Amino acid sequence: MPPQLIEENKTQARRITELEKRMSGGVTISSADTRQVSETTLDVDSSTINNVKLVKLKLRSASKSAAATWFEWYTRTPRLWEGCGVRQYKSQSKQIVNFMKLFLSHGFTLDPSSSGYSGRVMTVGNTAEANTKAFLRGKGMKSKLGSGLLKQLRLLHRNGAPKEVINDYRARLSVGQICGPAPVETKDFA
């Protein structure tokens, strides 16, 4: 056997021994020098080792603009309202889109069978986002992305700020100025 392979086998044997000691209840701390290995074993109660919880890091995705949420709501396959693995994500997307609909003063029509459907969805989404940001600026708020935007809009809704806008939206909805592929239960604004 080559000397390099023999050395790797010895290193692996030391690691296995360390692992076996850790599994049997003692914690081994090793400091490896190229010439020698010194081992120190600490006596630790096994119940304290079992009580240690591993912390799982939460990964965050980049925030999406309101127009991107709008586009995904209307163009994603399968549709978000038909089924989504994460209910919170579906709910948040639905609420952002519903708030954006409030600020389309002339309504909109989206026909999924038309040839320029995705372009039309993007145009309407950009218009709705611009109008939403203008409304927030008018109320003295900074425009945000994703959940930050939703928090601001919910706060305004709780304080009764967009009442006239909601009434106008309901009027447009009742006369058919708002037509899209989403089911009726996702169009109503509570």
N, C-alpha and C. Protein backbone atom coordinates (compact mmCIF):
# COMPACT_ATOMS: atom_id res chain seq x y z
N MET A 1 0.83 -1.19 0.00
CA MET A 1 0.00 0.00 0.00
C MET A 1 0.87 1.24 0.00
N PRO A 2 0.45 2.25 -0.70
CA PRO A 2 1.21 3.50 -0.69
C PRO A 2 1.08 4.19 0.67
N PRO A 3 2.13 4.92 1.07
CA PRO A 3 2.13 5.57 2.39
C PRO A 3 0.97 6.57 2.56
N GLN A 4 0.56 7.19 1.49
CA GLN A 4 -0.53 8.17 1.57
C GLN A 4 -1.84 7.49 1.97
N LEU A 5 -2.10 6.32 1.43
CA LEU A 5 -3.31 5.56 1.74
C LEU A 5 -3.28 5.07 3.19
N ILE A 6 -2.11 4.65 3.65
CA ILE A 6 -1.97 4.20 5.03
C ILE A 6 -2.28 5.34 6.00
N GLU A 7 -1.78 6.53 5.69
CA GLU A 7 -2.03 7.70 6.54
C GLU A 7 -3.52 8.06 6.55
N GLU A 8 -4.18 7.99 5.41
CA GLU A 8 -5.62 8.27 5.34
C GLU A 8 -6.41 7.26 6.17
N ASN A 9 -6.00 5.98 6.13
CA ASN A 9 -6.67 4.95 6.93
C ASN A 9 -6.52 5.22 8.42
N LYS A 10 -5.31 5.67 8.85
CA LYS A 10 -5.09 5.99 10.26
C LYS A 10 -5.97 7.17 10.68
N THR A 11 -6.04 8.18 9.83
CA THR A 11 -6.86 9.36 10.12
C THR A 11 -8.33 8.96 10.23
N GLN A 12 -8.77 8.12 9.33
CA GLN A 12 -10.15 7.66 9.36
C GLN A 12 -10.43 6.84 10.63
N ALA A 13 -9.49 6.01 11.03
CA ALA A 13 -9.65 5.21 12.26
C ALA A 13 -9.77 6.12 13.48
N ARG A 14 -8.95 7.21 13.52
CA ARG A 14 -9.04 8.15 14.64
C ARG A 14 -10.40 8.84 14.66
N ARG A 15 -10.89 9.21 13.51
CA ARG A 15 -12.20 9.87 13.43
C ARG A 15 -13.32 8.93 13.89
N ILE A 16 -13.23 7.67 13.50
CA ILE A 16 -14.24 6.69 13.92
C ILE A 16 -14.20 6.52 15.43
N THR A 17 -13.01 6.46 16.00
CA THR A 17 -12.86 6.33 17.45
C THR A 17 -13.48 7.54 18.16
N GLU A 18 -13.21 8.73 17.64
CA GLU A 18 -13.79 9.95 18.20
C GLU A 18 -15.30 9.91 18.14
N LEU A 19 -15.83 9.51 17.01
CA LEU A 19 -17.27 9.44 16.83
C LEU A 19 -17.90 8.43 17.79
N GLU A 20 -17.25 7.28 17.97
CA GLU A 20 -17.76 6.28 18.90
C GLU A 20 -17.77 6.80 20.33
N LYS A 21 -16.75 7.57 20.70
CA LYS A 21 -16.71 8.15 22.05
C LYS A 21 -17.83 9.17 22.23
N ARG A 22 -18.07 9.97 21.22
CA ARG A 22 -19.15 10.95 21.29
C ARG A 22 -20.51 10.27 21.42
N MET A 23 -20.68 9.20 20.68
CA MET A 23 -21.96 8.48 20.71
C MET A 23 -22.18 7.78 22.04
N SER A 24 -21.13 7.41 22.73
CA SER A 24 -21.27 6.70 24.01
C SER A 24 -21.49 7.65 25.18
N GLY A 25 -21.53 8.95 24.96
CA GLY A 25 -21.84 9.89 26.04
C GLY A 25 -20.75 10.88 26.35
N GLY A 26 -19.53 10.63 26.04
CA GLY A 26 -18.44 11.57 26.30
C GLY A 26 -18.21 12.42 25.07
N VAL A 27 -17.80 13.64 25.26
CA VAL A 27 -17.49 14.52 24.15
C VAL A 27 -15.99 14.59 24.01
N THR A 28 -15.49 14.36 22.83
CA THR A 28 -14.05 14.37 22.60
C THR A 28 -13.69 15.60 21.80
N ILE A 29 -12.70 16.30 22.27
CA ILE A 29 -12.19 17.45 21.54
C ILE A 29 -10.80 17.08 21.06
N SER A 30 -10.58 17.15 19.77
CA SER A 30 -9.28 16.77 19.21
C SER A 30 -8.62 17.98 18.59
N SER A 31 -7.33 18.10 18.84
CA SER A 31 -6.55 19.10 18.11
C SER A 31 -5.49 18.32 17.36
N ALA A 32 -5.56 18.39 16.07
CA ALA A 32 -4.68 17.56 15.24
C ALA A 32 -3.46 18.36 14.81
N ASP A 33 -2.28 17.82 15.14
CA ASP A 33 -1.02 18.35 14.65
C ASP A 33 -0.55 17.37 13.58
N THR A 34 0.28 17.80 12.67
CA THR A 34 0.73 16.89 11.63
C THR A 34 1.59 15.77 12.19
N ARG A 35 2.21 16.00 13.34
CA ARG A 35 3.10 14.98 13.90
C ARG A 35 2.39 14.09 14.93
N GLN A 36 1.48 14.69 15.74
CA GLN A 36 0.84 13.88 16.77
C GLN A 36 -0.58 14.37 17.00
N VAL A 37 -1.38 13.51 17.58
CA VAL A 37 -2.76 13.84 17.90
C VAL A 37 -2.93 13.69 19.39
N SER A 38 -3.40 14.75 20.04
CA SER A 38 -3.66 14.67 21.48
C SER A 38 -5.17 14.75 21.67
N GLU A 39 -5.69 13.87 22.51
CA GLU A 39 -7.13 13.83 22.73
C GLU A 39 -7.44 14.21 24.16
N THR A 40 -8.50 14.98 24.33
CA THR A 40 -8.98 15.35 25.65
C THR A 40 -10.44 14.97 25.70
N THR A 41 -10.82 14.23 26.71
CA THR A 41 -12.20 13.80 26.84
C THR A 41 -12.84 14.55 27.99
N LEU A 42 -13.98 15.16 27.73
CA LEU A 42 -14.73 15.86 28.76
C LEU A 42 -15.90 14.99 29.18
N ASP A 43 -16.14 14.91 30.47
CA ASP A 43 -17.30 14.17 30.95
C ASP A 43 -18.50 15.11 30.95
N VAL A 44 -19.44 14.80 30.09
CA VAL A 44 -20.65 15.61 29.97
C VAL A 44 -21.83 14.68 30.14
N ASP A 45 -22.78 15.11 30.93
CA ASP A 45 -23.98 14.32 31.15
C ASP A 45 -24.73 14.16 29.82
N SER A 46 -25.13 12.95 29.51
CA SER A 46 -25.79 12.70 28.22
C SER A 46 -27.13 13.41 28.12
N SER A 47 -27.77 13.72 29.24
CA SER A 47 -29.06 14.42 29.17
C SER A 47 -28.88 15.85 28.67
N THR A 48 -27.73 16.48 28.97
CA THR A 48 -27.50 17.83 28.48
C THR A 48 -27.25 17.83 26.98
N ILE A 49 -26.65 16.78 26.48
CA ILE A 49 -26.42 16.68 25.03
C ILE A 49 -27.74 16.50 24.31
N ASN A 50 -28.63 15.68 24.88
CA ASN A 50 -29.92 15.42 24.24
C ASN A 50 -30.84 16.63 24.29
N ASN A 51 -30.64 17.53 25.26
CA ASN A 51 -31.50 18.70 25.40
C ASN A 51 -31.11 19.84 24.47
N VAL A 52 -29.97 19.76 23.84
CA VAL A 52 -29.52 20.80 22.93
C VAL A 52 -30.35 20.72 21.65
N LYS A 53 -30.96 21.84 21.29
CA LYS A 53 -31.78 21.87 20.09
C LYS A 53 -30.96 22.46 18.94
N LEU A 54 -31.09 21.84 17.80
CA LEU A 54 -30.42 22.37 16.63
C LEU A 54 -31.27 23.49 16.05
N VAL A 55 -30.64 24.60 15.74
CA VAL A 55 -31.34 25.74 15.20
C VAL A 55 -31.31 25.65 13.68
N LYS A 56 -32.48 25.68 13.09
CA LYS A 56 -32.57 25.62 11.65
C LYS A 56 -32.62 27.05 11.11
N LEU A 57 -31.73 27.36 10.21
CA LEU A 57 -31.68 28.69 9.64
C LEU A 57 -32.83 28.88 8.67
N LYS A 58 -33.48 30.02 8.77
CA LYS A 58 -34.56 30.32 7.85
C LYS A 58 -33.98 31.08 6.67
N LEU A 59 -34.30 30.62 5.50
CA LEU A 59 -33.84 31.28 4.30
C LEU A 59 -34.95 32.17 3.78
N ARG A 60 -34.61 33.35 3.41
CA ARG A 60 -35.59 34.28 2.88
C ARG A 60 -35.33 34.50 1.40
N SER A 61 -36.41 34.52 0.68
CA SER A 61 -36.27 34.84 -0.73
C SER A 61 -36.34 36.35 -0.88
N ALA A 62 -35.91 36.82 -2.00
CA ALA A 62 -35.96 38.25 -2.26
C ALA A 62 -37.41 38.69 -2.38
N SER A 63 -37.71 39.88 -1.90
CA SER A 63 -39.07 40.39 -1.98
C SER A 63 -39.43 40.66 -3.43
N LYS A 64 -40.69 40.39 -3.74
CA LYS A 64 -41.18 40.61 -5.10
C LYS A 64 -41.95 41.91 -5.15
N SER A 65 -41.91 42.54 -6.29
CA SER A 65 -42.71 43.73 -6.48
C SER A 65 -44.17 43.33 -6.57
N ALA A 66 -45.04 44.30 -6.37
CA ALA A 66 -46.48 44.02 -6.44
C ALA A 66 -46.86 43.58 -7.85
N ALA A 67 -46.23 44.18 -8.87
CA ALA A 67 -46.53 43.80 -10.26
C ALA A 67 -46.12 42.35 -10.53
N ALA A 68 -45.02 41.90 -9.93
CA ALA A 68 -44.59 40.51 -10.11
C ALA A 68 -45.57 39.56 -9.44
N THR A 69 -46.09 39.94 -8.28
CA THR A 69 -47.11 39.12 -7.60
C THR A 69 -48.37 39.06 -8.45
N TRP A 70 -48.76 40.19 -9.01
CA TRP A 70 -49.93 40.26 -9.90
C TRP A 70 -49.74 39.33 -11.10
N PHE A 71 -48.58 39.42 -11.72
CA PHE A 71 -48.29 38.59 -12.90
C PHE A 71 -48.35 37.11 -12.54
N GLU A 72 -47.75 36.74 -11.41
CA GLU A 72 -47.76 35.34 -11.00
C GLU A 72 -49.18 34.87 -10.69
N TRP A 73 -49.98 35.72 -10.07
CA TRP A 73 -51.35 35.36 -9.71
C TRP A 73 -52.17 34.98 -10.95
N TYR A 74 -51.97 35.73 -12.02
CA TYR A 74 -52.79 35.51 -13.21
C TYR A 74 -52.16 34.61 -14.27
N THR A 75 -50.87 34.36 -14.22
CA THR A 75 -50.25 33.57 -15.30
C THR A 75 -49.65 32.26 -14.85
N ARG A 76 -49.45 32.05 -13.58
CA ARG A 76 -48.81 30.81 -13.12
C ARG A 76 -49.70 29.61 -13.40
N THR A 77 -49.06 28.51 -13.76
CA THR A 77 -49.78 27.27 -13.98
C THR A 77 -49.23 26.24 -13.01
N PRO A 78 -50.01 25.60 -12.16
CA PRO A 78 -51.44 25.82 -11.96
C PRO A 78 -51.68 27.15 -11.27
N ARG A 79 -52.86 27.67 -11.45
CA ARG A 79 -53.21 28.97 -10.87
C ARG A 79 -53.08 28.90 -9.35
N LEU A 80 -52.66 30.02 -8.76
CA LEU A 80 -52.49 30.05 -7.31
C LEU A 80 -53.80 29.80 -6.57
N TRP A 81 -54.91 30.25 -7.14
CA TRP A 81 -56.19 30.06 -6.45
C TRP A 81 -56.70 28.63 -6.56
N GLU A 82 -56.16 27.85 -7.49
CA GLU A 82 -56.58 26.45 -7.64
C GLU A 82 -55.88 25.55 -6.64
N GLY A 83 -54.66 25.84 -6.35
CA GLY A 83 -53.93 25.02 -5.40
C GLY A 83 -52.51 25.50 -5.28
N CYS A 84 -52.11 25.67 -4.06
CA CYS A 84 -50.75 26.15 -3.79
C CYS A 84 -50.26 25.38 -2.58
N GLY A 85 -49.02 24.96 -2.61
CA GLY A 85 -48.47 24.18 -1.51
C GLY A 85 -48.44 24.93 -0.19
N VAL A 86 -48.25 26.22 -0.23
CA VAL A 86 -48.13 27.01 0.99
C VAL A 86 -49.34 27.95 1.07
N ARG A 87 -50.20 27.70 2.04
CA ARG A 87 -51.43 28.48 2.15
C ARG A 87 -51.15 29.95 2.47
N GLN A 88 -50.13 30.20 3.28
CA GLN A 88 -49.81 31.58 3.63
C GLN A 88 -49.38 32.36 2.39
N TYR A 89 -48.62 31.72 1.52
CA TYR A 89 -48.16 32.37 0.29
C TYR A 89 -49.35 32.70 -0.60
N LYS A 90 -50.28 31.74 -0.72
CA LYS A 90 -51.48 31.96 -1.52
C LYS A 90 -52.29 33.12 -0.96
N SER A 91 -52.47 33.13 0.35
CA SER A 91 -53.26 34.17 1.00
C SER A 91 -52.62 35.54 0.82
N GLN A 92 -51.31 35.60 1.01
CA GLN A 92 -50.61 36.88 0.86
C GLN A 92 -50.71 37.38 -0.57
N SER A 93 -50.53 36.50 -1.54
CA SER A 93 -50.62 36.90 -2.94
C SER A 93 -52.02 37.40 -3.26
N LYS A 94 -53.03 36.68 -2.78
CA LYS A 94 -54.42 37.07 -3.02
C LYS A 94 -54.70 38.45 -2.45
N GLN A 95 -54.23 38.71 -1.24
CA GLN A 95 -54.49 40.00 -0.61
C GLN A 95 -53.78 41.14 -1.33
N ILE A 96 -52.54 40.91 -1.75
CA ILE A 96 -51.82 41.95 -2.49
C ILE A 96 -52.54 42.26 -3.79
N VAL A 97 -52.96 41.22 -4.52
CA VAL A 97 -53.67 41.43 -5.79
C VAL A 97 -54.99 42.15 -5.54
N ASN A 98 -55.72 41.76 -4.50
CA ASN A 98 -56.99 42.43 -4.21
C ASN A 98 -56.80 43.90 -3.86
N PHE A 99 -55.77 44.22 -3.10
CA PHE A 99 -55.50 45.63 -2.81
C PHE A 99 -55.14 46.37 -4.09
N MET A 100 -54.37 45.74 -4.97
CA MET A 100 -53.98 46.40 -6.22
C MET A 100 -55.19 46.68 -7.10
N LYS A 101 -56.17 45.77 -7.09
CA LYS A 101 -57.38 45.96 -7.90
C LYS A 101 -58.13 47.23 -7.50
N LEU A 102 -58.02 47.61 -6.24
CA LEU A 102 -58.70 48.81 -5.77
C LEU A 102 -58.26 50.06 -6.52
N PHE A 103 -57.02 50.06 -6.95
CA PHE A 103 -56.43 51.26 -7.52
C PHE A 103 -56.46 51.29 -9.05
N LEU A 104 -57.21 50.40 -9.65
CA LEU A 104 -57.43 50.43 -11.10
C LEU A 104 -58.76 51.13 -11.34
N SER A 105 -58.71 52.44 -11.50
CA SER A 105 -59.93 53.26 -11.52
C SER A 105 -60.84 52.98 -12.72
N HIS A 106 -60.32 52.40 -13.78
CA HIS A 106 -61.14 52.11 -14.96
C HIS A 106 -61.44 50.63 -15.09
N GLY A 107 -61.08 49.84 -14.09
CA GLY A 107 -61.29 48.40 -14.16
C GLY A 107 -60.28 47.75 -15.10
N PHE A 108 -60.51 46.48 -15.42
CA PHE A 108 -59.63 45.76 -16.34
C PHE A 108 -60.35 44.53 -16.85
N THR A 109 -59.89 44.06 -17.99
CA THR A 109 -60.41 42.82 -18.57
C THR A 109 -59.21 41.96 -18.95
N LEU A 110 -59.19 40.74 -18.44
CA LEU A 110 -58.11 39.80 -18.76
C LEU A 110 -58.74 38.53 -19.32
N ASP A 111 -58.38 38.20 -20.54
CA ASP A 111 -58.90 37.01 -21.20
C ASP A 111 -57.74 36.05 -21.46
N PRO A 112 -57.68 34.92 -20.73
CA PRO A 112 -56.56 34.00 -20.89
C PRO A 112 -56.46 33.37 -22.28
N SER A 113 -57.54 33.40 -23.05
CA SER A 113 -57.49 32.80 -24.39
C SER A 113 -56.96 33.76 -25.45
N SER A 114 -56.78 35.03 -25.09
CA SER A 114 -56.26 35.99 -26.08
C SER A 114 -54.76 35.79 -26.29
N SER A 115 -54.29 36.25 -27.43
CA SER A 115 -52.88 36.01 -27.79
C SER A 115 -51.91 36.84 -26.95
N GLY A 116 -52.26 38.03 -26.58
CA GLY A 116 -51.35 38.88 -25.80
C GLY A 116 -51.68 38.90 -24.33
N TYR A 117 -52.16 37.77 -23.81
CA TYR A 117 -52.63 37.72 -22.42
C TYR A 117 -51.55 38.09 -21.42
N SER A 118 -50.38 37.48 -21.50
CA SER A 118 -49.35 37.74 -20.49
C SER A 118 -48.86 39.19 -20.56
N GLY A 119 -48.78 39.75 -21.75
CA GLY A 119 -48.40 41.16 -21.89
C GLY A 119 -49.44 42.08 -21.27
N ARG A 120 -50.71 41.75 -21.49
CA ARG A 120 -51.81 42.54 -20.91
C ARG A 120 -51.79 42.44 -19.38
N VAL A 121 -51.54 41.24 -18.86
CA VAL A 121 -51.46 41.05 -17.41
C VAL A 121 -50.35 41.93 -16.84
N MET A 122 -49.21 41.95 -17.50
CA MET A 122 -48.08 42.75 -17.02
C MET A 122 -48.39 44.24 -17.07
N THR A 123 -49.03 44.69 -18.14
CA THR A 123 -49.38 46.10 -18.28
C THR A 123 -50.34 46.53 -17.17
N VAL A 124 -51.38 45.74 -16.96
CA VAL A 124 -52.36 46.07 -15.92
C VAL A 124 -51.70 46.01 -14.54
N GLY A 125 -50.83 45.03 -14.32
CA GLY A 125 -50.13 44.92 -13.05
C GLY A 125 -49.22 46.11 -12.77
N ASN A 126 -48.51 46.56 -13.79
CA ASN A 126 -47.63 47.74 -13.62
C ASN A 126 -48.45 48.98 -13.32
N THR A 127 -49.60 49.13 -14.00
CA THR A 127 -50.48 50.27 -13.74
C THR A 127 -51.01 50.23 -12.31
N ALA A 128 -51.45 49.05 -11.89
CA ALA A 128 -51.98 48.90 -10.53
C ALA A 128 -50.90 49.19 -9.49
N GLU A 129 -49.68 48.71 -9.75
CA GLU A 129 -48.59 48.96 -8.81
C GLU A 129 -48.28 50.45 -8.72
N ALA A 130 -48.22 51.13 -9.86
CA ALA A 130 -47.93 52.57 -9.86
C ALA A 130 -49.02 53.34 -9.11
N ASN A 131 -50.29 52.97 -9.33
CA ASN A 131 -51.39 53.64 -8.64
C ASN A 131 -51.36 53.36 -7.14
N THR A 132 -51.00 52.14 -6.76
CA THR A 132 -50.90 51.78 -5.34
C THR A 132 -49.80 52.59 -4.67
N LYS A 133 -48.65 52.70 -5.33
CA LYS A 133 -47.54 53.48 -4.77
C LYS A 133 -47.92 54.96 -4.65
N ALA A 134 -48.65 55.48 -5.65
CA ALA A 134 -49.08 56.87 -5.59
C ALA A 134 -50.04 57.09 -4.41
N PHE A 135 -50.91 56.13 -4.18
CA PHE A 135 -51.84 56.22 -3.04
C PHE A 135 -51.06 56.24 -1.73
N LEU A 136 -50.07 55.36 -1.60
CA LEU A 136 -49.26 55.31 -0.38
C LEU A 136 -48.49 56.61 -0.18
N ARG A 137 -47.92 57.15 -1.26
CA ARG A 137 -47.20 58.42 -1.15
C ARG A 137 -48.14 59.53 -0.71
N GLY A 138 -49.38 59.50 -1.21
CA GLY A 138 -50.37 60.49 -0.81
C GLY A 138 -50.71 60.41 0.67
N LYS A 139 -50.55 59.24 1.25
CA LYS A 139 -50.80 59.05 2.68
C LYS A 139 -49.52 59.24 3.50
N GLY A 140 -48.42 59.61 2.83
CA GLY A 140 -47.16 59.86 3.53
C GLY A 140 -46.39 58.60 3.89
N MET A 141 -46.60 57.52 3.17
CA MET A 141 -45.92 56.25 3.46
C MET A 141 -44.96 55.92 2.33
N LYS A 142 -43.87 55.25 2.70
CA LYS A 142 -42.92 54.78 1.70
C LYS A 142 -43.48 53.53 1.06
N SER A 143 -43.22 53.39 -0.23
CA SER A 143 -43.68 52.16 -0.89
C SER A 143 -42.69 51.05 -0.60
N LYS A 144 -43.23 49.86 -0.37
CA LYS A 144 -42.41 48.71 -0.03
C LYS A 144 -42.69 47.58 -0.99
N LEU A 145 -42.02 46.46 -0.77
CA LEU A 145 -42.21 45.27 -1.59
C LEU A 145 -42.83 44.16 -0.76
N GLY A 146 -43.53 43.26 -1.42
CA GLY A 146 -44.01 42.03 -0.81
C GLY A 146 -44.81 42.22 0.46
N SER A 147 -44.39 41.54 1.52
CA SER A 147 -45.16 41.56 2.77
C SER A 147 -45.14 42.94 3.43
N GLY A 148 -44.10 43.72 3.21
CA GLY A 148 -44.05 45.08 3.75
C GLY A 148 -45.15 45.95 3.16
N LEU A 149 -45.38 45.80 1.86
CA LEU A 149 -46.46 46.51 1.19
C LEU A 149 -47.80 46.08 1.76
N LEU A 150 -47.96 44.79 1.93
CA LEU A 150 -49.22 44.26 2.45
C LEU A 150 -49.49 44.77 3.87
N LYS A 151 -48.46 44.86 4.70
CA LYS A 151 -48.63 45.37 6.06
C LYS A 151 -49.11 46.82 6.03
N GLN A 152 -48.52 47.62 5.15
CA GLN A 152 -48.93 49.02 5.05
C GLN A 152 -50.38 49.14 4.59
N LEU A 153 -50.75 48.36 3.59
CA LEU A 153 -52.11 48.42 3.08
C LEU A 153 -53.13 47.92 4.11
N ARG A 154 -52.78 46.89 4.86
CA ARG A 154 -53.67 46.40 5.92
C ARG A 154 -53.86 47.47 7.00
N LEU A 155 -52.78 48.14 7.35
CA LEU A 155 -52.86 49.20 8.36
C LEU A 155 -53.81 50.30 7.90
N LEU A 156 -53.66 50.72 6.66
CA LEU A 156 -54.56 51.75 6.12
C LEU A 156 -56.00 51.25 6.10
N HIS A 157 -56.20 49.99 5.74
CA HIS A 157 -57.54 49.42 5.69
C HIS A 157 -58.17 49.38 7.09
N ARG A 158 -57.39 49.00 8.10
CA ARG A 158 -57.90 48.99 9.48
C ARG A 158 -58.28 50.39 9.94
N ASN A 159 -57.51 51.38 9.51
CA ASN A 159 -57.78 52.76 9.90
C ASN A 159 -58.87 53.40 9.05
N GLY A 160 -59.38 52.68 8.06
CA GLY A 160 -60.49 53.17 7.24
C GLY A 160 -60.10 54.11 6.12
N ALA A 161 -58.82 54.16 5.78
CA ALA A 161 -58.37 55.11 4.76
C ALA A 161 -58.95 54.85 3.37
N PRO A 162 -58.95 53.62 2.87
CA PRO A 162 -59.39 53.45 1.48
C PRO A 162 -60.89 53.14 1.32
N LYS A 163 -61.76 53.66 2.21
CA LYS A 163 -63.19 53.33 2.12
C LYS A 163 -63.80 53.74 0.79
N GLU A 164 -63.54 54.96 0.37
CA GLU A 164 -64.12 55.43 -0.90
C GLU A 164 -63.57 54.63 -2.08
N VAL A 165 -62.31 54.23 -1.99
CA VAL A 165 -61.69 53.43 -3.05
C VAL A 165 -62.34 52.04 -3.10
N ILE A 166 -62.63 51.47 -1.93
CA ILE A 166 -63.28 50.16 -1.87
C ILE A 166 -64.69 50.24 -2.43
N ASN A 167 -65.41 51.31 -2.09
CA ASN A 167 -66.77 51.47 -2.63
C ASN A 167 -66.75 51.61 -4.15
N ASP A 168 -65.78 52.36 -4.68
CA ASP A 168 -65.65 52.49 -6.13
C ASP A 168 -65.33 51.14 -6.77
N TYR A 169 -64.46 50.36 -6.13
CA TYR A 169 -64.11 49.04 -6.64
C TYR A 169 -65.33 48.13 -6.70
N ARG A 170 -66.11 48.13 -5.63
CA ARG A 170 -67.32 47.28 -5.60
C ARG A 170 -68.30 47.70 -6.69
N ALA A 171 -68.39 48.99 -6.96
CA ALA A 171 -69.27 49.47 -8.04
C ALA A 171 -68.77 48.97 -9.39
N ARG A 172 -67.46 49.05 -9.62
CA ARG A 172 -66.88 48.56 -10.89
C ARG A 172 -67.08 47.06 -11.02
N LEU A 173 -66.96 46.33 -9.93
CA LEU A 173 -67.14 44.88 -9.94
C LEU A 173 -68.59 44.52 -10.26
N SER A 174 -69.53 45.26 -9.71
CA SER A 174 -70.95 44.95 -9.93
C SER A 174 -71.40 45.23 -11.36
N VAL A 175 -70.80 46.20 -12.02
CA VAL A 175 -71.20 46.50 -13.41
C VAL A 175 -70.35 45.77 -14.43
N GLY A 176 -69.42 44.94 -13.98
CA GLY A 176 -68.65 44.10 -14.89
C GLY A 176 -67.43 44.76 -15.50
N GLN A 177 -66.92 45.81 -14.87
CA GLN A 177 -65.70 46.45 -15.39
C GLN A 177 -64.44 45.69 -14.98
N ILE A 178 -64.58 44.76 -14.06
CA ILE A 178 -63.44 43.95 -13.63
C ILE A 178 -63.72 42.52 -14.04
N CYS A 179 -63.01 42.07 -15.07
CA CYS A 179 -63.20 40.72 -15.60
C CYS A 179 -61.84 40.04 -15.69
N GLY A 180 -61.73 38.89 -15.06
CA GLY A 180 -60.49 38.13 -15.10
C GLY A 180 -60.78 36.67 -14.87
N PRO A 181 -59.77 35.83 -15.01
CA PRO A 181 -59.97 34.39 -14.88
C PRO A 181 -60.11 33.90 -13.44
N ALA A 182 -59.82 34.74 -12.47
CA ALA A 182 -59.89 34.32 -11.07
C ALA A 182 -61.35 34.11 -10.66
N PRO A 183 -61.62 33.13 -9.80
CA PRO A 183 -63.00 32.89 -9.36
C PRO A 183 -63.55 34.06 -8.53
N VAL A 184 -64.86 34.11 -8.42
CA VAL A 184 -65.54 35.22 -7.75
C VAL A 184 -65.09 35.39 -6.31
N GLU A 185 -64.87 34.28 -5.60
CA GLU A 185 -64.49 34.39 -4.18
C GLU A 185 -63.14 35.05 -3.98
N THR A 186 -62.31 35.12 -5.01
CA THR A 186 -61.02 35.82 -4.87
C THR A 186 -61.13 37.28 -5.27
N LYS A 187 -62.28 37.68 -5.81
CA LYS A 187 -62.44 39.07 -6.26
C LYS A 187 -63.04 39.97 -5.20
N ASP A 188 -63.81 39.40 -4.28
CA ASP A 188 -64.47 40.22 -3.28
C ASP A 188 -63.46 40.78 -2.30
N PHE A 189 -63.70 41.99 -1.90
CA PHE A 189 -62.81 42.66 -0.96
C PHE A 189 -63.55 42.86 0.35
N ALA A 190 -63.04 42.24 1.41
CA ALA A 190 -63.73 42.33 2.71
C ALA A 190 -63.32 43.56 3.47
